[in-house]
């Protein structure tokens, strides 16, 4: 049932603070701190070797996703609601499976998850009971992609026929594309412009859309089979919103992610 409150203009903005940006930063720092003991133990191991060059690697990475928020649905949400740019930043978890094509080029199949949920209220309106009009906004992205990753220097060298020694630092660049699933939605209380009341509702839009990306990073070998991987990736994507958001342009799903990962070579 709609609440049918009349409204008064709110003179103070009183934004509802979000903790998601701080959580994401803490998550990234946690990944770094967990990796430091592994790096320290590996410093004294010297140059180990494998009996052959690894052909497959598996990387688990975590970090920080920063969407561009370039479309009007984000502008409207931040203008009408107590949402700020940091409220859409989120932790980013990814998994990559890479296959060696040439000594310097890998084919990488990967997926990731970045998502946030932020509570907010209308900036300029409250009910006659002076209570805020509150809702929760969610934003999630799940890409499924294929990439070509090219190392700027050899990632290792072969000694004779049976020994392969990894390069300590191996920078790389790459590009790729695929499909991205997204969900953007809001649930809670909303101002009804026709009735001048407050209605409870849930607005939601989700689906798949094409995506492309560019990336750069480096591998730091801890042992012949284990490495740290640091990567920055920028993705581009847009998608049409559902009828719940009729009148808005396509939602901007582009953004930057920075991650740190553990790579296992086989």
C-alpha atoms as a PDB file:
ATOM      1  CA  UNK A   1       0.000   0.000   0.000  1.00  0.00           C
ATOM      2  CA  UNK A   2       1.361   3.476  -0.845  1.00  0.00           C
ATOM      3  CA  UNK A   3       2.042   5.667   2.173  1.00  0.00           C
ATOM      4  CA  UNK A   4       0.490   8.754   0.568  1.00  0.00           C
ATOM      5  CA  UNK A   5       2.617  11.188   2.545  1.00  0.00           C
ATOM      6  CA  UNK A   6       2.807  14.824   1.566  1.00  0.00           C
ATOM      7  CA  UNK A   7       6.299  16.230   1.172  1.00  0.00           C
ATOM      8  CA  UNK A   8       8.311  19.114   2.536  1.00  0.00           C
ATOM      9  CA  UNK A   9      11.504  20.367   0.938  1.00  0.00           C
ATOM     10  CA  UNK A  10      14.623  19.160   2.737  1.00  0.00           C
ATOM     11  CA  UNK A  11      17.001  22.062   3.259  1.00  0.00           C
ATOM     12  CA  UNK A  12      19.942  20.000   4.471  1.00  0.00           C
ATOM     13  CA  UNK A  13      21.406  17.259   2.332  1.00  0.00           C
ATOM     14  CA  UNK A  14      22.427  14.964   5.201  1.00  0.00           C
ATOM     15  CA  UNK A  15      23.937  12.252   2.963  1.00  0.00           C
ATOM     16  CA  UNK A  16      23.814   8.687   4.166  1.00  0.00           C
ATOM     17  CA  UNK A  17      27.458   7.571   4.317  1.00  0.00           C
ATOM     18  CA  UNK A  18      28.382   4.388   2.459  1.00  0.00           C
ATOM     19  CA  UNK A  19      31.109   2.022   3.608  1.00  0.00           C
ATOM     20  CA  UNK A  20      31.530   0.084   0.376  1.00  0.00           C
ATOM     21  CA  UNK A  21      34.547   2.057  -0.864  1.00  0.00           C
ATOM     22  CA  UNK A  22      36.308   1.537   2.478  1.00  0.00           C
ATOM     23  CA  UNK A  23      35.456  -2.166   2.420  1.00  0.00           C
ATOM     24  CA  UNK A  24      36.918  -2.497  -1.080  1.00  0.00           C
ATOM     25  CA  UNK A  25      40.122  -0.709  -0.064  1.00  0.00           C
ATOM     26  CA  UNK A  26      40.441  -2.929   3.012  1.00  0.00           C
ATOM     27  CA  UNK A  27      39.917  -5.988   0.838  1.00  0.00           C
ATOM     28  CA  UNK A  28      42.697  -4.969  -1.549  1.00  0.00           C
ATOM     29  CA  UNK A  29      45.061  -4.265   1.345  1.00  0.00           C
ATOM     30  CA  UNK A  30      44.203  -7.672   2.784  1.00  0.00           C
ATOM     31  CA  UNK A  31      45.185  -9.387  -0.460  1.00  0.00           C
ATOM     32  CA  UNK A  32      48.507  -7.524  -0.425  1.00  0.00           C
ATOM     33  CA  UNK A  33      49.196  -8.395   3.219  1.00  0.00           C
ATOM     34  CA  UNK A  34      48.425 -12.067   2.630  1.00  0.00           C
ATOM     35  CA  UNK A  35      50.824 -12.123  -0.316  1.00  0.00           C
ATOM     36  CA  UNK A  36      53.741 -10.487   1.526  1.00  0.00           C
ATOM     37  CA  UNK A  37      54.696 -13.562   3.641  1.00  0.00           C
ATOM     38  CA  UNK A  38      54.713 -15.718   0.506  1.00  0.00           C
ATOM     39  CA  UNK A  39      56.996 -13.220  -1.220  1.00  0.00           C
ATOM     40  CA  UNK A  40      59.296 -13.035   1.777  1.00  0.00           C
ATOM     41  CA  UNK A  41      59.686 -16.822   1.976  1.00  0.00           C
ATOM     42  CA  UNK A  42      60.407 -16.968  -1.741  1.00  0.00           C
ATOM     43  CA  UNK A  43      63.198 -14.388  -1.727  1.00  0.00           C
ATOM     44  CA  UNK A  44      65.820 -16.886  -0.611  1.00  0.00           C
ATOM     45  CA  UNK A  45      64.814 -19.704  -2.908  1.00  0.00           C
ATOM     46  CA  UNK A  46      67.137 -18.664  -5.774  1.00  0.00           C
ATOM     47  CA  UNK A  47      66.546 -19.490  -9.432  1.00  0.00           C
ATOM     48  CA  UNK A  48      64.664 -22.775  -9.497  1.00  0.00           C
ATOM     49  CA  UNK A  49      63.652 -24.486 -12.704  1.00  0.00           C
ATOM     50  CA  UNK A  50      61.058 -26.755 -14.281  1.00  0.00           C
ATOM     51  CA  UNK A  51      61.775 -29.674 -16.571  1.00  0.00           C
ATOM     52  CA  UNK A  52      59.757 -27.996 -19.327  1.00  0.00           C
ATOM     53  CA  UNK A  53      58.147 -24.659 -20.095  1.00  0.00           C
ATOM     54  CA  UNK A  54      54.693 -24.430 -18.467  1.00  0.00           C
ATOM     55  CA  UNK A  55      51.835 -24.406 -20.961  1.00  0.00           C
ATOM     56  CA  UNK A  56      48.897 -23.602 -18.669  1.00  0.00           C
ATOM     57  CA  UNK A  57      48.439 -21.216 -15.739  1.00  0.00           C
ATOM     58  CA  UNK A  58      45.595 -20.573 -13.319  1.00  0.00           C
ATOM     59  CA  UNK A  59      45.293 -17.168 -11.633  1.00  0.00           C
ATOM     60  CA  UNK A  60      43.039 -16.173  -8.747  1.00  0.00           C
ATOM     61  CA  UNK A  61      42.976 -12.391  -8.345  1.00  0.00           C
ATOM     62  CA  UNK A  62      41.246  -9.857  -6.146  1.00  0.00           C
ATOM     63  CA  UNK A  63      41.169  -6.097  -5.989  1.00  0.00           C
ATOM     64  CA  UNK A  64      39.154  -2.971  -6.574  1.00  0.00           C
ATOM     65  CA  UNK A  65      36.567  -2.090  -9.290  1.00  0.00           C
ATOM     66  CA  UNK A  66      35.905   1.563 -10.149  1.00  0.00           C
ATOM     67  CA  UNK A  67      33.026   1.992 -12.642  1.00  0.00           C
ATOM     68  CA  UNK A  68      33.013   5.079 -14.862  1.00  0.00           C
ATOM     69  CA  UNK A  69      29.320   5.905 -14.145  1.00  0.00           C
ATOM     70  CA  UNK A  70      29.020   7.919 -17.355  1.00  0.00           C
ATOM     71  CA  UNK A  71      25.303   7.523 -18.117  1.00  0.00           C
ATOM     72  CA  UNK A  72      22.261   9.478 -16.999  1.00  0.00           C
ATOM     73  CA  UNK A  73      20.933   6.783 -14.637  1.00  0.00           C
ATOM     74  CA  UNK A  74      23.984   7.290 -12.419  1.00  0.00           C
ATOM     75  CA  UNK A  75      23.737  11.077 -12.664  1.00  0.00           C
ATOM     76  CA  UNK A  76      20.040  10.960 -11.737  1.00  0.00           C
ATOM     77  CA  UNK A  77      20.647   8.589  -8.807  1.00  0.00           C
ATOM     78  CA  UNK A  78      23.423  10.772  -7.374  1.00  0.00           C
ATOM     79  CA  UNK A  79      21.463  13.980  -7.865  1.00  0.00           C
ATOM     80  CA  UNK A  80      18.161  12.755  -6.377  1.00  0.00           C
ATOM     81  CA  UNK A  81      19.555  10.345  -3.777  1.00  0.00           C
ATOM     82  CA  UNK A  82      22.344  10.608  -1.204  1.00  0.00           C
ATOM     83  CA  UNK A  83      24.712   8.549  -3.341  1.00  0.00           C
ATOM     84  CA  UNK A  84      28.251   9.580  -4.194  1.00  0.00           C
ATOM     85  CA  UNK A  85      30.855   8.283  -6.608  1.00  0.00           C
ATOM     86  CA  UNK A  86      32.511   6.008  -4.062  1.00  0.00           C
ATOM     87  CA  UNK A  87      29.233   4.177  -3.401  1.00  0.00           C
ATOM     88  CA  UNK A  88      29.565   2.283  -6.701  1.00  0.00           C
ATOM     89  CA  UNK A  89      33.186   1.206  -6.101  1.00  0.00           C
ATOM     90  CA  UNK A  90      33.426  -2.433  -5.041  1.00  0.00           C
ATOM     91  CA  UNK A  91      35.684  -5.442  -4.483  1.00  0.00           C
ATOM     92  CA  UNK A  92      36.583  -7.309  -7.676  1.00  0.00           C
ATOM     93  CA  UNK A  93      37.228 -11.083  -7.690  1.00  0.00           C
ATOM     94  CA  UNK A  94      38.491 -12.830 -10.809  1.00  0.00           C
ATOM     95  CA  UNK A  95      39.637 -16.217 -12.129  1.00  0.00           C
ATOM     96  CA  UNK A  96      41.793 -16.661 -15.267  1.00  0.00           C
ATOM     97  CA  UNK A  97      42.865 -19.778 -17.145  1.00  0.00           C
ATOM     98  CA  UNK A  98      45.729 -19.098 -19.587  1.00  0.00           C
ATOM     99  CA  UNK A  99      47.134 -21.256 -22.378  1.00  0.00           C
ATOM    100  CA  UNK A 100      50.594 -20.608 -23.836  1.00  0.00           C
ATOM    101  CA  UNK A 101      50.412 -20.004 -27.623  1.00  0.00           C
ATOM    102  CA  UNK A 102      53.967 -18.826 -28.247  1.00  0.00           C
ATOM    103  CA  UNK A 103      56.855 -18.145 -25.821  1.00  0.00           C
ATOM    104  CA  UNK A 104      55.525 -14.590 -25.329  1.00  0.00           C
ATOM    105  CA  UNK A 105      51.760 -14.870 -25.996  1.00  0.00           C
ATOM    106  CA  UNK A 106      48.969 -16.403 -23.893  1.00  0.00           C
ATOM    107  CA  UNK A 107      45.286 -16.973 -24.630  1.00  0.00           C
ATOM    108  CA  UNK A 108      43.385 -16.184 -21.420  1.00  0.00           C
ATOM    109  CA  UNK A 109      39.828 -17.281 -20.590  1.00  0.00           C
ATOM    110  CA  UNK A 110      38.461 -15.489 -17.563  1.00  0.00           C
ATOM    111  CA  UNK A 111      35.565 -14.323 -15.482  1.00  0.00           C
ATOM    112  CA  UNK A 112      35.132 -11.926 -12.568  1.00  0.00           C
ATOM    113  CA  UNK A 113      32.574 -10.514 -10.160  1.00  0.00           C
ATOM    114  CA  UNK A 114      32.229  -6.921  -8.981  1.00  0.00           C
ATOM    115  CA  UNK A 115      29.197  -5.828  -6.985  1.00  0.00           C
ATOM    116  CA  UNK A 116      27.987  -3.339  -4.425  1.00  0.00           C
ATOM    117  CA  UNK A 117      24.828  -2.518  -2.489  1.00  0.00           C
ATOM    118  CA  UNK A 118      24.346   0.982  -1.049  1.00  0.00           C
ATOM    119  CA  UNK A 119      21.570   2.433   1.123  1.00  0.00           C
ATOM    120  CA  UNK A 120      20.479   6.002   0.409  1.00  0.00           C
ATOM    121  CA  UNK A 121      17.611   8.469   0.816  1.00  0.00           C
ATOM    122  CA  UNK A 122      16.153  11.369  -1.153  1.00  0.00           C
ATOM    123  CA  UNK A 123      18.302  14.473  -0.838  1.00  0.00           C
ATOM    124  CA  UNK A 124      15.573  17.131  -0.934  1.00  0.00           C
ATOM    125  CA  UNK A 125      12.387  15.447   0.198  1.00  0.00           C
ATOM    126  CA  UNK A 126      11.042  13.877   3.392  1.00  0.00           C
ATOM    127  CA  UNK A 127       7.570  12.856   4.481  1.00  0.00           C
ATOM    128  CA  UNK A 128       5.413  15.043   6.694  1.00  0.00           C
ATOM    129  CA  UNK A 129       6.508  12.798   9.572  1.00  0.00           C
ATOM    130  CA  UNK A 130      10.048  14.091   8.835  1.00  0.00           C
ATOM    131  CA  UNK A 131      11.306  10.555   8.217  1.00  0.00           C
ATOM    132  CA  UNK A 132      13.707   9.990   5.306  1.00  0.00           C
ATOM    133  CA  UNK A 133      12.503   8.248   2.142  1.00  0.00           C
ATOM    134  CA  UNK A 134      14.980   5.367   1.911  1.00  0.00           C
ATOM    135  CA  UNK A 135      15.945   2.764  -0.674  1.00  0.00           C
ATOM    136  CA  UNK A 136      18.828   0.414  -1.552  1.00  0.00           C
ATOM    137  CA  UNK A 137      20.684   0.541  -4.889  1.00  0.00           C
ATOM    138  CA  UNK A 138      22.534  -2.523  -6.188  1.00  0.00           C
ATOM    139  CA  UNK A 139      25.039  -2.668  -9.054  1.00  0.00           C
ATOM    140  CA  UNK A 140      26.737  -5.896 -10.179  1.00  0.00           C
ATOM    141  CA  UNK A 141      28.890  -6.916 -13.166  1.00  0.00           C
ATOM    142  CA  UNK A 142      30.079 -10.369 -14.264  1.00  0.00           C
ATOM    143  CA  UNK A 143      32.225 -10.488 -17.445  1.00  0.00           C
ATOM    144  CA  UNK A 144      33.051 -13.719 -19.280  1.00  0.00           C
ATOM    145  CA  UNK A 145      35.921 -12.962 -21.649  1.00  0.00           C
ATOM    146  CA  UNK A 146      38.783 -14.177 -23.814  1.00  0.00           C
ATOM    147  CA  UNK A 147      42.003 -12.152 -24.002  1.00  0.00           C
ATOM    148  CA  UNK A 148      45.342 -12.237 -25.788  1.00  0.00           C
ATOM    149  CA  UNK A 149      48.176 -11.387 -23.387  1.00  0.00           C
ATOM    150  CA  UNK A 150      51.610 -10.509 -24.814  1.00  0.00           C
ATOM    151  CA  UNK A 151      54.743 -10.398 -22.632  1.00  0.00           C
ATOM    152  CA  UNK A 152      57.117  -7.519 -23.352  1.00  0.00           C
ATOM    153  CA  UNK A 153      60.096  -9.703 -22.454  1.00  0.00           C
ATOM    154  CA  UNK A 154      60.368 -13.511 -22.344  1.00  0.00           C
ATOM    155  CA  UNK A 155      58.617 -14.894 -19.266  1.00  0.00           C
ATOM    156  CA  UNK A 156      61.390 -17.467 -18.890  1.00  0.00           C
ATOM    157  CA  UNK A 157      64.301 -19.121 -20.628  1.00  0.00           C
ATOM    158  CA  UNK A 158      65.138 -22.709 -21.515  1.00  0.00           C
ATOM    159  CA  UNK A 159      68.491 -24.221 -20.522  1.00  0.00           C
ATOM    160  CA  UNK A 160      69.215 -27.153 -22.756  1.00  0.00           C
ATOM    161  CA  UNK A 161      66.294 -29.463 -23.485  1.00  0.00           C
ATOM    162  CA  UNK A 162      64.989 -30.145 -19.988  1.00  0.00           C
ATOM    163  CA  UNK A 163      65.271 -27.008 -17.812  1.00  0.00           C
ATOM    164  CA  UNK A 164      63.117 -23.854 -17.864  1.00  0.00           C
ATOM    165  CA  UNK A 165      63.847 -20.908 -15.565  1.00  0.00           C
ATOM    166  CA  UNK A 166      61.199 -18.167 -15.086  1.00  0.00           C
ATOM    167  CA  UNK A 167      62.007 -14.469 -15.454  1.00  0.00           C
ATOM    168  CA  UNK A 168      61.702 -12.714 -12.080  1.00  0.00           C
ATOM    169  CA  UNK A 169      59.737  -9.733 -13.483  1.00  0.00           C
ATOM    170  CA  UNK A 170      57.672 -10.183 -16.666  1.00  0.00           C
ATOM    171  CA  UNK A 171      55.525  -7.189 -17.773  1.00  0.00           C
ATOM    172  CA  UNK A 172      52.692  -7.728 -20.250  1.00  0.00           C
ATOM    173  CA  UNK A 173      49.907  -5.992 -22.149  1.00  0.00           C
ATOM    174  CA  UNK A 174      46.781  -7.391 -23.727  1.00  0.00           C
ATOM    175  CA  UNK A 175      43.258  -6.941 -25.042  1.00  0.00           C
ATOM    176  CA  UNK A 176      40.118  -8.986 -25.433  1.00  0.00           C
ATOM    177  CA  UNK A 177      36.365  -9.130 -25.303  1.00  0.00           C
ATOM    178  CA  UNK A 178      33.346 -11.239 -24.554  1.00  0.00           C
ATOM    179  CA  UNK A 179      30.010 -10.880 -22.800  1.00  0.00           C
ATOM    180  CA  UNK A 180      29.100  -9.066 -19.600  1.00  0.00           C
ATOM    181  CA  UNK A 181      26.113  -9.738 -17.337  1.00  0.00           C
ATOM    182  CA  UNK A 182      24.950  -6.788 -15.274  1.00  0.00           C
ATOM    183  CA  UNK A 183      22.260  -5.965 -12.750  1.00  0.00           C
ATOM    184  CA  UNK A 184      21.243  -2.473 -11.671  1.00  0.00           C
ATOM    185  CA  UNK A 185      18.290  -1.973  -9.393  1.00  0.00           C
ATOM    186  CA  UNK A 186      16.688  -0.121  -6.515  1.00  0.00           C
ATOM    187  CA  UNK A 187      14.233  -1.290  -3.881  1.00  0.00           C
ATOM    188  CA  UNK A 188      12.526   0.635  -1.114  1.00  0.00           C
ATOM    189  CA  UNK A 189      10.494   3.871  -1.034  1.00  0.00           C
ATOM    190  CA  UNK A 190      10.054   6.229  -3.981  1.00  0.00           C
ATOM    191  CA  UNK A 191       8.414   9.588  -4.574  1.00  0.00           C
ATOM    192  CA  UNK A 192       5.350   9.215  -6.793  1.00  0.00           C
ATOM    193  CA  UNK A 193       5.165  12.401  -8.882  1.00  0.00           C
ATOM    194  CA  UNK A 194       1.544  11.731  -9.916  1.00  0.00           C
ATOM    195  CA  UNK A 195       0.028  11.096  -6.489  1.00  0.00           C
ATOM    196  CA  UNK A 196       2.501  13.166  -4.449  1.00  0.00           C
ATOM    197  CA  UNK A 197       2.880  10.156  -2.178  1.00  0.00           C
ATOM    198  CA  UNK A 198       5.495   7.600  -1.199  1.00  0.00           C
ATOM    199  CA  UNK A 199       5.245   4.142  -2.774  1.00  0.00           C
ATOM    200  CA  UNK A 200       7.187   1.004  -1.968  1.00  0.00           C
ATOM    201  CA  UNK A 201       8.546  -0.583  -5.128  1.00  0.00           C
ATOM    202  CA  UNK A 202      11.406  -2.534  -6.694  1.00  0.00           C
ATOM    203  CA  UNK A 203      13.008  -1.356  -9.945  1.00  0.00           C
ATOM    204  CA  UNK A 204      15.370  -3.773 -11.650  1.00  0.00           C
ATOM    205  CA  UNK A 205      17.254  -4.126 -14.943  1.00  0.00           C
ATOM    206  CA  UNK A 206      19.623  -6.970 -15.871  1.00  0.00           C
ATOM    207  CA  UNK A 207      20.940  -8.814 -18.898  1.00  0.00           C
ATOM    208  CA  UNK A 208      23.910  -9.625 -21.130  1.00  0.00           C
ATOM    209  CA  UNK A 209      25.812  -7.237 -23.387  1.00  0.00           C
ATOM    210  CA  UNK A 210      29.078  -7.300 -25.409  1.00  0.00           C
ATOM    211  CA  UNK A 211      32.227  -5.972 -23.766  1.00  0.00           C
ATOM    212  CA  UNK A 212      35.837  -5.246 -24.773  1.00  0.00           C
ATOM    213  CA  UNK A 213      38.843  -4.458 -22.597  1.00  0.00           C
ATOM    214  CA  UNK A 214      42.521  -3.549 -22.525  1.00  0.00           C
ATOM    215  CA  UNK A 215      44.928  -4.654 -19.814  1.00  0.00           C
ATOM    216  CA  UNK A 216      48.483  -4.259 -18.554  1.00  0.00           C
ATOM    217  CA  UNK A 217      50.390  -5.802 -15.686  1.00  0.00           C
ATOM    218  CA  UNK A 218      53.324  -7.918 -14.612  1.00  0.00           C
ATOM    219  CA  UNK A 219      54.134 -11.336 -13.154  1.00  0.00           C
ATOM    220  CA  UNK A 220      56.584 -11.602 -10.263  1.00  0.00           C
ATOM    221  CA  UNK A 221      57.925 -15.156  -9.987  1.00  0.00           C
ATOM    222  CA  UNK A 222      58.178 -16.537  -6.463  1.00  0.00           C
ATOM    223  CA  UNK A 223      59.043 -20.076  -7.545  1.00  0.00           C
ATOM    224  CA  UNK A 224      59.047 -21.740 -10.965  1.00  0.00           C
ATOM    225  CA  UNK A 225      55.407 -22.765 -10.436  1.00  0.00           C
ATOM    226  CA  UNK A 226      54.146 -19.820  -8.368  1.00  0.00           C
ATOM    227  CA  UNK A 227      53.962 -16.100  -9.164  1.00  0.00           C
ATOM    228  CA  UNK A 228      52.281 -12.921  -8.034  1.00  0.00           C
ATOM    229  CA  UNK A 229      50.339 -11.074 -10.738  1.00  0.00           C
ATOM    230  CA  UNK A 230      49.398  -7.393 -10.627  1.00  0.00           C
ATOM    231  CA  UNK A 231      47.031  -6.108 -13.311  1.00  0.00           C
ATOM    232  CA  UNK A 232      45.047  -3.036 -14.340  1.00  0.00           C
ATOM    233  CA  UNK A 233      42.150  -3.612 -16.739  1.00  0.00           C
ATOM    234  CA  UNK A 234      39.804  -1.104 -18.380  1.00  0.00           C
ATOM    235  CA  UNK A 235      36.553  -2.429 -19.834  1.00  0.00           C
ATOM    236  CA  UNK A 236      33.972  -0.831 -22.110  1.00  0.00           C
ATOM    237  CA  UNK A 237      30.303  -1.869 -22.279  1.00  0.00           C
ATOM    238  CA  UNK A 238      26.796  -0.403 -22.474  1.00  0.00           C
ATOM    239  CA  UNK A 239      23.352  -1.982 -22.173  1.00  0.00           C
ATOM    240  CA  UNK A 240      19.734  -0.944 -22.637  1.00  0.00           C
ATOM    241  CA  UNK A 241      17.767  -0.625 -19.416  1.00  0.00           C
ATOM    242  CA  UNK A 242      14.486  -2.445 -18.807  1.00  0.00           C
ATOM    243  CA  UNK A 243      11.038  -0.833 -18.830  1.00  0.00           C
ATOM    244  CA  UNK A 244      11.433  -0.091 -15.110  1.00  0.00           C
ATOM    245  CA  UNK A 245      13.836   2.670 -16.216  1.00  0.00           C
ATOM    246  CA  UNK A 246      11.959   3.807 -19.301  1.00  0.00           C
ATOM    247  CA  UNK A 247      13.225   7.134 -20.643  1.00  0.00           C
ATOM    248  CA  UNK A 248      16.838   6.646 -19.555  1.00  0.00           C
ATOM    249  CA  UNK A 249      19.740   6.138 -21.953  1.00  0.00           C
ATOM    250  CA  UNK A 250      21.828   2.976 -22.030  1.00  0.00           C
ATOM    251  CA  UNK A 251      23.595   2.263 -18.752  1.00  0.00           C
ATOM    252  CA  UNK A 252      27.364   2.807 -18.792  1.00  0.00           C
ATOM    253  CA  UNK A 253      29.098  -0.391 -17.629  1.00  0.00           C
ATOM    254  CA  UNK A 254      32.667   0.743 -18.367  1.00  0.00           C
ATOM    255  CA  UNK A 255      35.300   1.063 -15.702  1.00  0.00           C
ATOM    256  CA  UNK A 256      38.754   0.333 -14.325  1.00  0.00           C
ATOM    257  CA  UNK A 257      39.740  -2.596 -12.118  1.00  0.00           C
ATOM    258  CA  UNK A 258      43.068  -3.125 -10.363  1.00  0.00           C
ATOM    259  CA  UNK A 259      43.864  -6.551  -8.967  1.00  0.00           C
ATOM    260  CA  UNK A 260      46.582  -8.606  -7.328  1.00  0.00           C
ATOM    261  CA  UNK A 261      46.606 -12.361  -7.808  1.00  0.00           C
ATOM    262  CA  UNK A 262      48.340 -15.675  -7.232  1.00  0.00           C
ATOM    263  CA  UNK A 263      49.293 -17.600 -10.386  1.00  0.00           C
ATOM    264  CA  UNK A 264      49.944 -21.351 -10.542  1.00  0.00           C
ATOM    265  CA  UNK A 265      51.842 -22.695 -13.572  1.00  0.00           C
ATOM    266  CA  UNK A 266      51.460 -26.201 -14.967  1.00  0.00           C
END
